[in-house]
PDB file of N, CA and C in Angstrom:
ATOM      1  N   MET A   1     -99.629   5.698 -33.780  1.00  0.00           N
ATOM      2  CA  MET A   1    -100.530   5.157 -34.762  1.00  0.00           C
ATOM      3  C   MET A   1    -100.446   3.635 -34.718  1.00  0.00           C
ATOM      4  N   GLU A   2    -101.548   2.990 -34.886  1.00  0.00           N
ATOM      5  CA  GLU A   2    -101.596   1.533 -34.967  1.00  0.00           C
ATOM      6  C   GLU A   2    -102.180   1.114 -36.306  1.00  0.00           C
ATOM      7  N   SER A   3    -101.722  -0.020 -36.795  1.00  0.00           N
ATOM      8  CA  SER A   3    -102.234  -0.587 -38.037  1.00  0.00           C
ATOM      9  C   SER A   3    -102.132  -2.107 -37.940  1.00  0.00           C
ATOM     10  N   TYR A   4    -102.924  -2.797 -38.738  1.00  0.00           N
ATOM     11  CA  TYR A   4    -102.941  -4.257 -38.730  1.00  0.00           C
ATOM     12  C   TYR A   4    -102.886  -4.788 -40.160  1.00  0.00           C
ATOM     13  N   THR A   5    -102.368  -6.008 -40.296  1.00  0.00           N
ATOM     14  CA  THR A   5    -102.446  -6.714 -41.575  1.00  0.00           C
ATOM     15  C   THR A   5    -102.470  -8.212 -41.292  1.00  0.00           C
ATOM     16  N   VAL A   6    -102.894  -8.971 -42.291  1.00  0.00           N
ATOM     17  CA  VAL A   6    -102.944 -10.432 -42.203  1.00  0.00           C
ATOM     18  C   VAL A   6    -101.898 -11.003 -43.154  1.00  0.00           C
ATOM     19  N   VAL A   7    -101.151 -11.989 -42.711  1.00  0.00           N
ATOM     20  CA  VAL A   7    -100.150 -12.645 -43.548  1.00  0.00           C
ATOM     21  C   VAL A   7    -100.875 -13.642 -44.458  1.00  0.00           C
ATOM     22  N   ARG A   8    -100.735 -13.408 -45.762  1.00  0.00           N
ATOM     23  CA  ARG A   8    -101.411 -14.219 -46.775  1.00  0.00           C
ATOM     24  C   ARG A   8    -100.370 -15.053 -47.539  1.00  0.00           C
ATOM     25  N   PRO A   9    -100.832 -16.012 -48.357  1.00  0.00           N
ATOM     26  CA  PRO A   9     -99.885 -16.875 -49.080  1.00  0.00           C
ATOM     27  C   PRO A   9     -98.863 -16.116 -49.917  1.00  0.00           C
ATOM     28  N   GLU A  10     -99.255 -14.999 -50.520  1.00  0.00           N
ATOM     29  CA  GLU A  10     -98.315 -14.252 -51.371  1.00  0.00           C
ATOM     30  C   GLU A  10     -97.219 -13.551 -50.571  1.00  0.00           C
ATOM     31  N   HIS A  11     -97.320 -13.548 -49.246  1.00  0.00           N
ATOM     32  CA  HIS A  11     -96.323 -12.921 -48.379  1.00  0.00           C
ATOM     33  C   HIS A  11     -95.280 -13.912 -47.865  1.00  0.00           C
ATOM     34  N   LEU A  12     -95.411 -15.182 -48.218  1.00  0.00           N
ATOM     35  CA  LEU A  12     -94.546 -16.226 -47.662  1.00  0.00           C
ATOM     36  C   LEU A  12     -93.300 -16.456 -48.516  1.00  0.00           C
ATOM     37  N   ASN A  13     -92.213 -16.854 -47.836  1.00  0.00           N
ATOM     38  CA  ASN A  13     -90.984 -17.219 -48.542  1.00  0.00           C
ATOM     39  C   ASN A  13     -91.022 -18.708 -48.905  1.00  0.00           C
ATOM     40  N   GLN A  14     -89.931 -19.198 -49.433  1.00  0.00           N
ATOM     41  CA  GLN A  14     -89.857 -20.586 -49.885  1.00  0.00           C
ATOM     42  C   GLN A  14     -89.957 -21.598 -48.746  1.00  0.00           C
ATOM     43  N   TYR A  15     -89.839 -21.143 -47.489  1.00  0.00           N
ATOM     44  CA  TYR A  15     -89.928 -22.036 -46.329  1.00  0.00           C
ATOM     45  C   TYR A  15     -91.282 -21.950 -45.639  1.00  0.00           C
ATOM     46  N   GLY A  16     -92.195 -21.167 -46.202  1.00  0.00           N
ATOM     47  CA  GLY A  16     -93.536 -21.073 -45.633  1.00  0.00           C
ATOM     48  C   GLY A  16     -93.684 -20.053 -44.510  1.00  0.00           C
ATOM     49  N   HIS A  17     -92.715 -19.167 -44.355  1.00  0.00           N
ATOM     50  CA  HIS A  17     -92.786 -18.109 -43.336  1.00  0.00           C
ATOM     51  C   HIS A  17     -92.859 -16.749 -44.033  1.00  0.00           C
ATOM     52  N   LEU A  18     -93.261 -15.751 -43.279  1.00  0.00           N
ATOM     53  CA  LEU A  18     -93.347 -14.400 -43.812  1.00  0.00           C
ATOM     54  C   LEU A  18     -91.997 -13.981 -44.404  1.00  0.00           C
ATOM     55  N   PHE A  19     -92.015 -13.506 -45.634  1.00  0.00           N
ATOM     56  CA  PHE A  19     -90.823 -13.003 -46.299  1.00  0.00           C
ATOM     57  C   PHE A  19     -90.433 -11.675 -45.653  1.00  0.00           C
ATOM     58  N   GLY A  20     -89.176 -11.555 -45.241  1.00  0.00           N
ATOM     59  CA  GLY A  20     -88.722 -10.356 -44.542  1.00  0.00           C
ATOM     60  C   GLY A  20     -88.933  -9.081 -45.333  1.00  0.00           C
ATOM     61  N   GLY A  21     -88.813  -9.169 -46.649  1.00  0.00           N
ATOM     62  CA  GLY A  21     -89.017  -7.991 -47.487  1.00  0.00           C
ATOM     63  C   GLY A  21     -90.431  -7.445 -47.402  1.00  0.00           C
ATOM     64  N   CYS A  22     -91.413  -8.329 -47.246  1.00  0.00           N
ATOM     65  CA  CYS A  22     -92.802  -7.871 -47.079  1.00  0.00           C
ATOM     66  C   CYS A  22     -92.940  -7.090 -45.782  1.00  0.00           C
ATOM     67  N   LEU A  23     -92.356  -7.609 -44.721  1.00  0.00           N
ATOM     68  CA  LEU A  23     -92.438  -6.922 -43.429  1.00  0.00           C
ATOM     69  C   LEU A  23     -91.771  -5.549 -43.514  1.00  0.00           C
ATOM     70  N   LEU A  24     -90.604  -5.475 -44.151  1.00  0.00           N
ATOM     71  CA  LEU A  24     -89.914  -4.193 -44.277  1.00  0.00           C
ATOM     72  C   LEU A  24     -90.734  -3.196 -45.099  1.00  0.00           C
ATOM     73  N   LYS A  25     -91.391  -3.668 -46.133  1.00  0.00           N
ATOM     74  CA  LYS A  25     -92.256  -2.803 -46.946  1.00  0.00           C
ATOM     75  C   LYS A  25     -93.379  -2.244 -46.094  1.00  0.00           C
ATOM     76  N   TRP A  26     -94.029  -3.104 -45.294  1.00  0.00           N
ATOM     77  CA  TRP A  26     -95.130  -2.646 -44.439  1.00  0.00           C
ATOM     78  C   TRP A  26     -94.641  -1.634 -43.411  1.00  0.00           C
ATOM     79  N   VAL A  27     -93.501  -1.909 -42.812  1.00  0.00           N
ATOM     80  CA  VAL A  27     -92.938  -0.982 -41.815  1.00  0.00           C
ATOM     81  C   VAL A  27     -92.674   0.380 -42.447  1.00  0.00           C
ATOM     82  N   ASP A  28     -92.075   0.394 -43.639  1.00  0.00           N
ATOM     83  CA  ASP A  28     -91.785   1.640 -44.336  1.00  0.00           C
ATOM     84  C   ASP A  28     -93.076   2.389 -44.656  1.00  0.00           C
ATOM     85  N   GLU A  29     -94.070   1.688 -45.192  1.00  0.00           N
ATOM     86  CA  GLU A  29     -95.347   2.320 -45.539  1.00  0.00           C
ATOM     87  C   GLU A  29     -96.044   2.910 -44.320  1.00  0.00           C
ATOM     88  N   ILE A  30     -96.130   2.136 -43.258  1.00  0.00           N
ATOM     89  CA  ILE A  30     -96.854   2.574 -42.068  1.00  0.00           C
ATOM     90  C   ILE A  30     -96.162   3.763 -41.420  1.00  0.00           C
ATOM     91  N   ALA A  31     -94.848   3.734 -41.347  1.00  0.00           N
ATOM     92  CA  ALA A  31     -94.121   4.869 -40.776  1.00  0.00           C
ATOM     93  C   ALA A  31     -94.262   6.104 -41.660  1.00  0.00           C
ATOM     94  N   TRP A  32     -94.236   5.930 -42.987  1.00  0.00           N
ATOM     95  CA  TRP A  32     -94.430   7.057 -43.895  1.00  0.00           C
ATOM     96  C   TRP A  32     -95.824   7.659 -43.721  1.00  0.00           C
ATOM     97  N   ILE A  33     -96.833   6.812 -43.574  1.00  0.00           N
ATOM     98  CA  ILE A  33     -98.196   7.305 -43.340  1.00  0.00           C
ATOM     99  C   ILE A  33     -98.250   8.091 -42.035  1.00  0.00           C
ATOM    100  N   ALA A  34     -97.623   7.576 -40.985  1.00  0.00           N
ATOM    101  CA  ALA A  34     -97.612   8.285 -39.697  1.00  0.00           C
ATOM    102  C   ALA A  34     -96.956   9.652 -39.842  1.00  0.00           C
ATOM    103  N   ALA A  35     -95.813   9.709 -40.521  1.00  0.00           N
ATOM    104  CA  ALA A  35     -95.121  10.989 -40.717  1.00  0.00           C
ATOM    105  C   ALA A  35     -95.979  11.945 -41.540  1.00  0.00           C
ATOM    106  N   SER A  36     -96.597  11.437 -42.582  1.00  0.00           N
ATOM    107  CA  SER A  36     -97.422  12.280 -43.450  1.00  0.00           C
ATOM    108  C   SER A  36     -98.664  12.799 -42.726  1.00  0.00           C
ATOM    109  N   ARG A  37     -99.191  12.008 -41.817  1.00  0.00           N
ATOM    110  CA  ARG A  37    -100.340  12.472 -41.028  1.00  0.00           C
ATOM    111  C   ARG A  37     -99.904  13.473 -39.962  1.00  0.00           C
ATOM    112  N   ASP A  38     -98.733  13.255 -39.378  1.00  0.00           N
ATOM    113  CA  ASP A  38     -98.236  14.171 -38.345  1.00  0.00           C
ATOM    114  C   ASP A  38     -97.796  15.511 -38.931  1.00  0.00           C
ATOM    115  N   TYR A  39     -97.355  15.499 -40.192  1.00  0.00           N
ATOM    116  CA  TYR A  39     -96.853  16.706 -40.860  1.00  0.00           C
ATOM    117  C   TYR A  39     -97.570  16.870 -42.202  1.00  0.00           C
ATOM    118  N   PRO A  40     -98.841  17.241 -42.175  1.00  0.00           N
ATOM    119  CA  PRO A  40     -99.614  17.356 -43.419  1.00  0.00           C
ATOM    120  C   PRO A  40     -98.941  18.290 -44.425  1.00  0.00           C
ATOM    121  N   GLY A  41     -99.004  17.901 -45.681  1.00  0.00           N
ATOM    122  CA  GLY A  41     -98.454  18.711 -46.750  1.00  0.00           C
ATOM    123  C   GLY A  41     -96.966  18.533 -46.985  1.00  0.00           C
ATOM    124  N   CYS A  42     -96.288  17.758 -46.148  1.00  0.00           N
ATOM    125  CA  CYS A  42     -94.846  17.536 -46.317  1.00  0.00           C
ATOM    126  C   CYS A  42     -94.595  16.331 -47.214  1.00  0.00           C
ATOM    127  N   ARG A  43     -93.538  16.412 -48.009  1.00  0.00           N
ATOM    128  CA  ARG A  43     -93.092  15.294 -48.847  1.00  0.00           C
ATOM    129  C   ARG A  43     -91.954  14.604 -48.118  1.00  0.00           C
ATOM    130  N   PHE A  44     -92.116  13.336 -47.829  1.00  0.00           N
ATOM    131  CA  PHE A  44     -91.081  12.585 -47.123  1.00  0.00           C
ATOM    132  C   PHE A  44     -90.545  11.452 -47.986  1.00  0.00           C
ATOM    133  N   VAL A  45     -89.247  11.209 -47.859  1.00  0.00           N
ATOM    134  CA  VAL A  45     -88.633  10.016 -48.435  1.00  0.00           C
ATOM    135  C   VAL A  45     -87.862   9.315 -47.315  1.00  0.00           C
ATOM    136  N   THR A  46     -87.807   8.011 -47.410  1.00  0.00           N
ATOM    137  CA  THR A  46     -87.085   7.200 -46.425  1.00  0.00           C
ATOM    138  C   THR A  46     -85.586   7.372 -46.627  1.00  0.00           C
ATOM    139  N   VAL A  47     -84.862   7.604 -45.517  1.00  0.00           N
ATOM    140  CA  VAL A  47     -83.405   7.699 -45.621  1.00  0.00           C
ATOM    141  C   VAL A  47     -82.697   6.563 -44.889  1.00  0.00           C
ATOM    142  N   GLY A  48     -83.400   5.852 -44.014  1.00  0.00           N
ATOM    143  CA  GLY A  48     -82.737   4.723 -43.380  1.00  0.00           C
ATOM    144  C   GLY A  48     -83.532   4.080 -42.262  1.00  0.00           C
ATOM    145  N   MET A  49     -83.118   2.861 -41.969  1.00  0.00           N
ATOM    146  CA  MET A  49     -83.611   2.116 -40.805  1.00  0.00           C
ATOM    147  C   MET A  49     -82.395   1.813 -39.959  1.00  0.00           C
ATOM    148  N   ASP A  50     -82.541   1.893 -38.636  1.00  0.00           N
ATOM    149  CA  ASP A  50     -81.363   1.706 -37.794  1.00  0.00           C
ATOM    150  C   ASP A  50     -80.969   0.246 -37.630  1.00  0.00           C
ATOM    151  N   ARG A  51     -81.921  -0.644 -37.688  1.00  0.00           N
ATOM    152  CA  ARG A  51     -81.597  -2.052 -37.427  1.00  0.00           C
ATOM    153  C   ARG A  51     -82.666  -2.935 -38.056  1.00  0.00           C
ATOM    154  N   VAL A  52     -82.239  -4.012 -38.671  1.00  0.00           N
ATOM    155  CA  VAL A  52     -83.170  -4.986 -39.227  1.00  0.00           C
ATOM    156  C   VAL A  52     -82.824  -6.328 -38.609  1.00  0.00           C
ATOM    157  N   GLU A  53     -83.644  -6.727 -37.667  1.00  0.00           N
ATOM    158  CA  GLU A  53     -83.430  -7.993 -36.961  1.00  0.00           C
ATOM    159  C   GLU A  53     -84.790  -8.621 -36.681  1.00  0.00           C
ATOM    160  N   PHE A  54     -85.011  -9.788 -37.259  1.00  0.00           N
ATOM    161  CA  PHE A  54     -86.282 -10.488 -37.091  1.00  0.00           C
ATOM    162  C   PHE A  54     -86.183 -11.388 -35.863  1.00  0.00           C
ATOM    163  N   HIS A  55     -87.120 -11.243 -34.941  1.00  0.00           N
ATOM    164  CA  HIS A  55     -87.053 -11.976 -33.667  1.00  0.00           C
ATOM    165  C   HIS A  55     -87.620 -13.392 -33.746  1.00  0.00           C
ATOM    166  N   ARG A  56     -88.526 -13.634 -34.684  1.00  0.00           N
ATOM    167  CA  ARG A  56     -89.087 -14.972 -34.853  1.00  0.00           C
ATOM    168  C   ARG A  56     -89.816 -15.048 -36.170  1.00  0.00           C
ATOM    169  N   GLY A  57     -90.034 -16.267 -36.656  1.00  0.00           N
ATOM    170  CA  GLY A  57     -90.766 -16.463 -37.900  1.00  0.00           C
ATOM    171  C   GLY A  57     -92.251 -16.209 -37.704  1.00  0.00           C
ATOM    172  N   VAL A  58     -92.926 -15.902 -38.801  1.00  0.00           N
ATOM    173  CA  VAL A  58     -94.360 -15.629 -38.778  1.00  0.00           C
ATOM    174  C   VAL A  58     -95.019 -16.517 -39.823  1.00  0.00           C
ATOM    175  N   ASN A  59     -96.097 -17.174 -39.427  1.00  0.00           N
ATOM    176  CA  ASN A  59     -96.767 -18.134 -40.291  1.00  0.00           C
ATOM    177  C   ASN A  59     -97.971 -17.545 -41.013  1.00  0.00           C
ATOM    178  N   LEU A  60     -98.436 -18.275 -41.997  1.00  0.00           N
ATOM    179  CA  LEU A  60     -99.635 -17.936 -42.758  1.00  0.00           C
ATOM    180  C   LEU A  60    -100.805 -17.687 -41.815  1.00  0.00           C
ATOM    181  N   GLY A  61    -101.550 -16.639 -42.085  1.00  0.00           N
ATOM    182  CA  GLY A  61    -102.750 -16.349 -41.306  1.00  0.00           C
ATOM    183  C   GLY A  61    -102.525 -15.513 -40.068  1.00  0.00           C
ATOM    184  N   ALA A  62    -101.275 -15.248 -39.738  1.00  0.00           N
ATOM    185  CA  ALA A  62    -100.998 -14.437 -38.546  1.00  0.00           C
ATOM    186  C   ALA A  62    -101.514 -13.018 -38.759  1.00  0.00           C
ATOM    187  N   VAL A  63    -102.009 -12.436 -37.683  1.00  0.00           N
ATOM    188  CA  VAL A  63    -102.415 -11.031 -37.697  1.00  0.00           C
ATOM    189  C   VAL A  63    -101.270 -10.237 -37.077  1.00  0.00           C
ATOM    190  N   LEU A  64    -100.772  -9.253 -37.813  1.00  0.00           N
ATOM    191  CA  LEU A  64     -99.676  -8.425 -37.321  1.00  0.00           C
ATOM    192  C   LEU A  64    -100.214  -7.068 -36.888  1.00  0.00           C
ATOM    193  N   ARG A  65     -99.719  -6.600 -35.745  1.00  0.00           N
ATOM    194  CA  ARG A  65    -100.071  -5.267 -35.247  1.00  0.00           C
ATOM    195  C   ARG A  65     -98.818  -4.407 -35.302  1.00  0.00           C
ATOM    196  N   PHE A  66     -98.919  -3.242 -35.908  1.00  0.00           N
ATOM    197  CA  PHE A  66     -97.824  -2.294 -36.047  1.00  0.00           C
ATOM    198  C   PHE A  66     -98.119  -1.095 -35.148  1.00  0.00           C
ATOM    199  N   VAL A  67     -97.151  -0.743 -34.311  1.00  0.00           N
ATOM    200  CA  VAL A  67     -97.267   0.430 -33.450  1.00  0.00           C
ATOM    201  C   VAL A  67     -96.158   1.387 -33.861  1.00  0.00           C
ATOM    202  N   CYS A  68     -96.538   2.611 -34.186  1.00  0.00           N
ATOM    203  CA  CYS A  68     -95.591   3.565 -34.745  1.00  0.00           C
ATOM    204  C   CYS A  68     -95.763   4.912 -34.059  1.00  0.00           C
ATOM    205  N   HIS A  69     -94.646   5.475 -33.615  1.00  0.00           N
ATOM    206  CA  HIS A  69     -94.711   6.821 -33.020  1.00  0.00           C
ATOM    207  C   HIS A  69     -93.392   7.566 -33.270  1.00  0.00           C
ATOM    208  N   GLU A  70     -93.506   8.892 -33.301  1.00  0.00           N
ATOM    209  CA  GLU A  70     -92.339   9.735 -33.518  1.00  0.00           C
ATOM    210  C   GLU A  70     -91.382   9.596 -32.336  1.00  0.00           C
ATOM    211  N   SER A  71     -90.103   9.397 -32.642  1.00  0.00           N
ATOM    212  CA  SER A  71     -89.116   9.246 -31.568  1.00  0.00           C
ATOM    213  C   SER A  71     -88.049  10.339 -31.580  1.00  0.00           C
ATOM    214  N   ARG A  72     -87.872  11.010 -32.739  1.00  0.00           N
ATOM    215  CA  ARG A  72     -86.873  12.083 -32.814  1.00  0.00           C
ATOM    216  C   ARG A  72     -87.224  13.007 -33.973  1.00  0.00           C
ATOM    217  N   ARG A  73     -86.968  14.266 -33.745  1.00  0.00           N
ATOM    218  CA  ARG A  73     -87.222  15.267 -34.780  1.00  0.00           C
ATOM    219  C   ARG A  73     -85.957  16.079 -34.984  1.00  0.00           C
ATOM    220  N   GLY A  74     -85.538  16.224 -36.219  1.00  0.00           N
ATOM    221  CA  GLY A  74     -84.410  17.078 -36.548  1.00  0.00           C
ATOM    222  C   GLY A  74     -84.898  18.325 -37.273  1.00  0.00           C
ATOM    223  N   ARG A  75     -83.983  19.004 -37.929  1.00  0.00           N
ATOM    224  CA  ARG A  75     -84.359  20.214 -38.659  1.00  0.00           C
ATOM    225  C   ARG A  75     -85.123  19.876 -39.945  1.00  0.00           C
ATOM    226  N   THR A  76     -84.617  18.866 -40.702  1.00  0.00           N
ATOM    227  CA  THR A  76     -85.259  18.471 -41.962  1.00  0.00           C
ATOM    228  C   THR A  76     -85.725  17.017 -41.949  1.00  0.00           C
ATOM    229  N   SER A  77     -85.488  16.318 -40.838  1.00  0.00           N
ATOM    230  CA  SER A  77     -85.809  14.889 -40.784  1.00  0.00           C
ATOM    231  C   SER A  77     -86.601  14.557 -39.525  1.00  0.00           C
ATOM    232  N   VAL A  78     -87.246  13.411 -39.597  1.00  0.00           N
ATOM    233  CA  VAL A  78     -88.011  12.906 -38.459  1.00  0.00           C
ATOM    234  C   VAL A  78     -87.835  11.392 -38.425  1.00  0.00           C
ATOM    235  N   THR A  79     -87.751  10.838 -37.209  1.00  0.00           N
ATOM    236  CA  THR A  79     -87.552   9.404 -37.016  1.00  0.00           C
ATOM    237  C   THR A  79     -88.727   8.839 -36.245  1.00  0.00           C
ATOM    238  N   TYR A  80     -89.171   7.669 -36.674  1.00  0.00           N
ATOM    239  CA  TYR A  80     -90.280   6.969 -36.024  1.00  0.00           C
ATOM    240  C   TYR A  80     -89.804   5.612 -35.524  1.00  0.00           C
ATOM    241  N   GLU A  81     -90.264   5.243 -34.354  1.00  0.00           N
ATOM    242  CA  GLU A  81     -90.042   3.896 -33.843  1.00  0.00           C
ATOM    243  C   GLU A  81     -91.232   3.049 -34.276  1.00  0.00           C
ATOM    244  N   VAL A  82     -90.937   1.872 -34.825  1.00  0.00           N
ATOM    245  CA  VAL A  82     -91.989   0.951 -35.240  1.00  0.00           C
ATOM    246  C   VAL A  82     -91.766  -0.368 -34.524  1.00  0.00           C
ATOM    247  N   GLN A  83     -92.807  -0.846 -33.866  1.00  0.00           N
ATOM    248  CA  GLN A  83     -92.787  -2.146 -33.203  1.00  0.00           C
ATOM    249  C   GLN A  83     -93.853  -3.007 -33.862  1.00  0.00           C
ATOM    250  N   VAL A  84     -93.512  -4.271 -34.116  1.00  0.00           N
ATOM    251  CA  VAL A  84     -94.439  -5.179 -34.779  1.00  0.00           C
ATOM    252  C   VAL A  84     -94.665  -6.381 -33.877  1.00  0.00           C
ATOM    253  N   TYR A  85     -95.936  -6.741 -33.728  1.00  0.00           N
ATOM    254  CA  TYR A  85     -96.341  -7.859 -32.885  1.00  0.00           C
ATOM    255  C   TYR A  85     -97.189  -8.813 -33.707  1.00  0.00           C
ATOM    256  N   THR A  86     -97.125 -10.103 -33.359  1.00  0.00           N
ATOM    257  CA  THR A  86     -98.027 -11.073 -33.956  1.00  0.00           C
ATOM    258  C   THR A  86     -99.065 -11.441 -32.911  1.00  0.00           C
ATOM    259  N   ASP A  87    -100.317 -11.459 -33.342  1.00  0.00           N
ATOM    260  CA  ASP A  87    -101.431 -11.814 -32.459  1.00  0.00           C
ATOM    261  C   ASP A  87    -101.819 -13.260 -32.716  1.00  0.00           C
ATOM    262  N   ASP A  88    -101.972 -14.034 -31.647  1.00  0.00           N
ATOM    263  CA  ASP A  88    -102.541 -15.365 -31.744  1.00  0.00           C
ATOM    264  C   ASP A  88    -104.024 -15.206 -31.422  1.00  0.00           C
ATOM    265  N   LEU A  89    -104.861 -15.275 -32.457  1.00  0.00           N
ATOM    266  CA  LEU A  89    -106.284 -15.003 -32.268  1.00  0.00           C
ATOM    267  C   LEU A  89    -106.986 -16.065 -31.435  1.00  0.00           C
ATOM    268  N   GLU A  90    -106.418 -17.264 -31.350  1.00  0.00           N
ATOM    269  CA  GLU A  90    -107.033 -18.318 -30.539  1.00  0.00           C
ATOM    270  C   GLU A  90    -106.750 -18.129 -29.057  1.00  0.00           C
ATOM    271  N   SER A  91    -105.508 -17.768 -28.712  1.00  0.00           N
ATOM    272  CA  SER A  91    -105.149 -17.631 -27.295  1.00  0.00           C
ATOM    273  C   SER A  91    -105.247 -16.185 -26.810  1.00  0.00           C
ATOM    274  N   GLY A  92    -105.235 -15.237 -27.757  1.00  0.00           N
ATOM    275  CA  GLY A  92    -105.241 -13.828 -27.376  1.00  0.00           C
ATOM    276  C   GLY A  92    -103.865 -13.304 -26.996  1.00  0.00           C
ATOM    277  N   ARG A  93    -102.841 -14.146 -27.105  1.00  0.00           N
ATOM    278  CA  ARG A  93    -101.470 -13.718 -26.775  1.00  0.00           C
ATOM    279  C   ARG A  93    -100.868 -12.921 -27.927  1.00  0.00           C
ATOM    280  N   GLU A  94     -99.957 -12.068 -27.559  1.00  0.00           N
ATOM    281  CA  GLU A  94     -99.263 -11.243 -28.534  1.00  0.00           C
ATOM    282  C   GLU A  94     -97.766 -11.375 -28.276  1.00  0.00           C
ATOM    283  N   GLU A  95     -96.996 -11.503 -29.371  1.00  0.00           N
ATOM    284  CA  GLU A  95     -95.541 -11.609 -29.234  1.00  0.00           C
ATOM    285  C   GLU A  95     -94.856 -10.593 -30.139  1.00  0.00           C
ATOM    286  N   PRO A  96     -93.780  -9.949 -29.636  1.00  0.00           N
ATOM    287  CA  PRO A  96     -93.028  -9.032 -30.500  1.00  0.00           C
ATOM    288  C   PRO A  96     -92.224  -9.828 -31.524  1.00  0.00           C
ATOM    289  N   ILE A  97     -92.217  -9.337 -32.770  1.00  0.00           N
ATOM    290  CA  ILE A  97     -91.449 -10.025 -33.809  1.00  0.00           C
ATOM    291  C   ILE A  97     -90.401  -9.126 -34.452  1.00  0.00           C
ATOM    292  N   PHE A  98     -90.561  -7.786 -34.318  1.00  0.00           N
ATOM    293  CA  PHE A  98     -89.657  -6.883 -35.025  1.00  0.00           C
ATOM    294  C   PHE A  98     -89.790  -5.485 -34.442  1.00  0.00           C
ATOM    295  N   SER A  99     -88.684  -4.753 -34.429  1.00  0.00           N
ATOM    296  CA  SER A  99     -88.732  -3.330 -34.072  1.00  0.00           C
ATOM    297  C   SER A  99     -87.567  -2.621 -34.758  1.00  0.00           C
ATOM    298  N   THR A 100     -87.773  -1.363 -35.066  1.00  0.00           N
ATOM    299  CA  THR A 100     -86.747  -0.569 -35.718  1.00  0.00           C
ATOM    300  C   THR A 100     -87.064   0.906 -35.556  1.00  0.00           C
ATOM    301  N   HIS A 101     -86.113   1.740 -35.913  1.00  0.00           N
ATOM    302  CA  HIS A 101     -86.323   3.173 -36.062  1.00  0.00           C
ATOM    303  C   HIS A 101     -86.109   3.478 -37.539  1.00  0.00           C
ATOM    304  N   ILE A 102     -87.040   4.217 -38.119  1.00  0.00           N
ATOM    305  CA  ILE A 102     -86.956   4.544 -39.532  1.00  0.00           C
ATOM    306  C   ILE A 102     -86.993   6.065 -39.677  1.00  0.00           C
ATOM    307  N   SER A 103     -86.083   6.580 -40.494  1.00  0.00           N
ATOM    308  CA  SER A 103     -85.940   8.028 -40.637  1.00  0.00           C
ATOM    309  C   SER A 103     -86.368   8.483 -42.019  1.00  0.00           C
ATOM    310  N   PHE A 104     -87.004   9.654 -42.040  1.00  0.00           N
ATOM    311  CA  PHE A 104     -87.466  10.291 -43.262  1.00  0.00           C
ATOM    312  C   PHE A 104     -86.889  11.694 -43.321  1.00  0.00           C
ATOM    313  N   VAL A 105     -86.668  12.178 -44.541  1.00  0.00           N
ATOM    314  CA  VAL A 105     -86.260  13.564 -44.729  1.00  0.00           C
ATOM    315  C   VAL A 105     -87.350  14.242 -45.555  1.00  0.00           C
ATOM    316  N   ARG A 106     -87.588  15.502 -45.230  1.00  0.00           N
ATOM    317  CA  ARG A 106     -88.575  16.285 -45.979  1.00  0.00           C
ATOM    318  C   ARG A 106     -87.878  16.918 -47.181  1.00  0.00           C
ATOM    319  N   LEU A 107     -88.512  16.776 -48.349  1.00  0.00           N
ATOM    320  CA  LEU A 107     -87.980  17.366 -49.578  1.00  0.00           C
ATOM    321  C   LEU A 107     -88.967  18.386 -50.130  1.00  0.00           C
ATOM    322  N   ASP A 108     -88.422  19.412 -50.780  1.00  0.00           N
ATOM    323  CA  ASP A 108     -89.288  20.368 -51.459  1.00  0.00           C
ATOM    324  C   ASP A 108     -89.611  19.840 -52.860  1.00  0.00           C
ATOM    325  N   GLU A 109     -90.323  20.633 -53.653  1.00  0.00           N
ATOM    326  CA  GLU A 109     -90.760  20.180 -54.979  1.00  0.00           C
ATOM    327  C   GLU A 109     -89.602  19.989 -55.951  1.00  0.00           C
ATOM    328  N   HIS A 110     -88.400  20.455 -55.589  1.00  0.00           N
ATOM    329  CA  HIS A 110     -87.208  20.281 -56.427  1.00  0.00           C
ATOM    330  C   HIS A 110     -86.296  19.163 -55.920  1.00  0.00           C
ATOM    331  N   GLY A 111     -86.738  18.451 -54.902  1.00  0.00           N
ATOM    332  CA  GLY A 111     -85.953  17.343 -54.368  1.00  0.00           C
ATOM    333  C   GLY A 111     -84.866  17.759 -53.390  1.00  0.00           C
ATOM    334  N   ARG A 112     -84.925  18.990 -52.878  1.00  0.00           N
ATOM    335  CA  ARG A 112     -83.930  19.462 -51.911  1.00  0.00           C
ATOM    336  C   ARG A 112     -84.491  19.351 -50.501  1.00  0.00           C
ATOM    337  N   LYS A 113     -83.611  19.054 -49.549  1.00  0.00           N
ATOM    338  CA  LYS A 113     -84.023  19.015 -48.150  1.00  0.00           C
ATOM    339  C   LYS A 113     -84.593  20.362 -47.753  1.00  0.00           C
ATOM    340  N   THR A 114     -85.645  20.309 -46.972  1.00  0.00           N
ATOM    341  CA  THR A 114     -86.277  21.545 -46.513  1.00  0.00           C
ATOM    342  C   THR A 114     -86.713  21.369 -45.058  1.00  0.00           C
ATOM    343  N   PRO A 115     -86.691  22.432 -44.266  1.00  0.00           N
ATOM    344  CA  PRO A 115     -87.022  22.307 -42.837  1.00  0.00           C
ATOM    345  C   PRO A 115     -88.451  21.831 -42.600  1.00  0.00           C
ATOM    346  N   LEU A 116     -88.605  21.096 -41.525  1.00  0.00           N
ATOM    347  CA  LEU A 116     -89.932  20.691 -41.078  1.00  0.00           C
ATOM    348  C   LEU A 116     -90.688  21.923 -40.601  1.00  0.00           C
ATOM    349  N   PRO A 117     -92.007  21.916 -40.701  1.00  0.00           N
ATOM    350  CA  PRO A 117     -92.762  23.052 -40.184  1.00  0.00           C
ATOM    351  C   PRO A 117     -92.705  23.096 -38.659  1.00  0.00           C
ATOM    352  N   LEU A 118     -92.878  24.292 -38.117  1.00  0.00           N
ATOM    353  CA  LEU A 118     -92.940  24.433 -36.666  1.00  0.00           C
ATOM    354  C   LEU A 118     -94.237  23.843 -36.173  1.00  0.00           C
ATOM    355  N   ARG A 119     -94.177  23.263 -34.995  1.00  0.00           N
ATOM    356  CA  ARG A 119     -95.395  22.701 -34.393  1.00  0.00           C
ATOM    357  C   ARG A 119     -96.004  23.735 -33.463  1.00  0.00           C
ATOM    358  N   PRO A 120     -97.321  23.788 -33.415  1.00  0.00           N
ATOM    359  CA  PRO A 120     -97.958  24.765 -32.495  1.00  0.00           C
ATOM    360  C   PRO A 120     -97.695  24.452 -31.040  1.00  0.00           C
TER     361      PRO A 120
END
């Protein structure tokens, strides 16, 4: 799955760069959407990210591209790899700024772990 967003003034930290918390929120949301689309009807909650390391700062107006795909499936959990790139709309160049693996667990209506459905 791919998704895009634009870095706006409300996303900046005190130094004028993208606030890391905003990026983490977007990564979590996009990966959750991917999991929910891949497993319709399942309730997922985030259980962890394997690594949080920002490769470079991002400025106001940057267009970010998020690439997300399933990387591992367990009995009750699924992990997605998320890669984030910044696009320079003037030059057409793209640079990686962040990547991680984010894991979700499926819960039933009582909040207990429950197995993922079988895939056809």
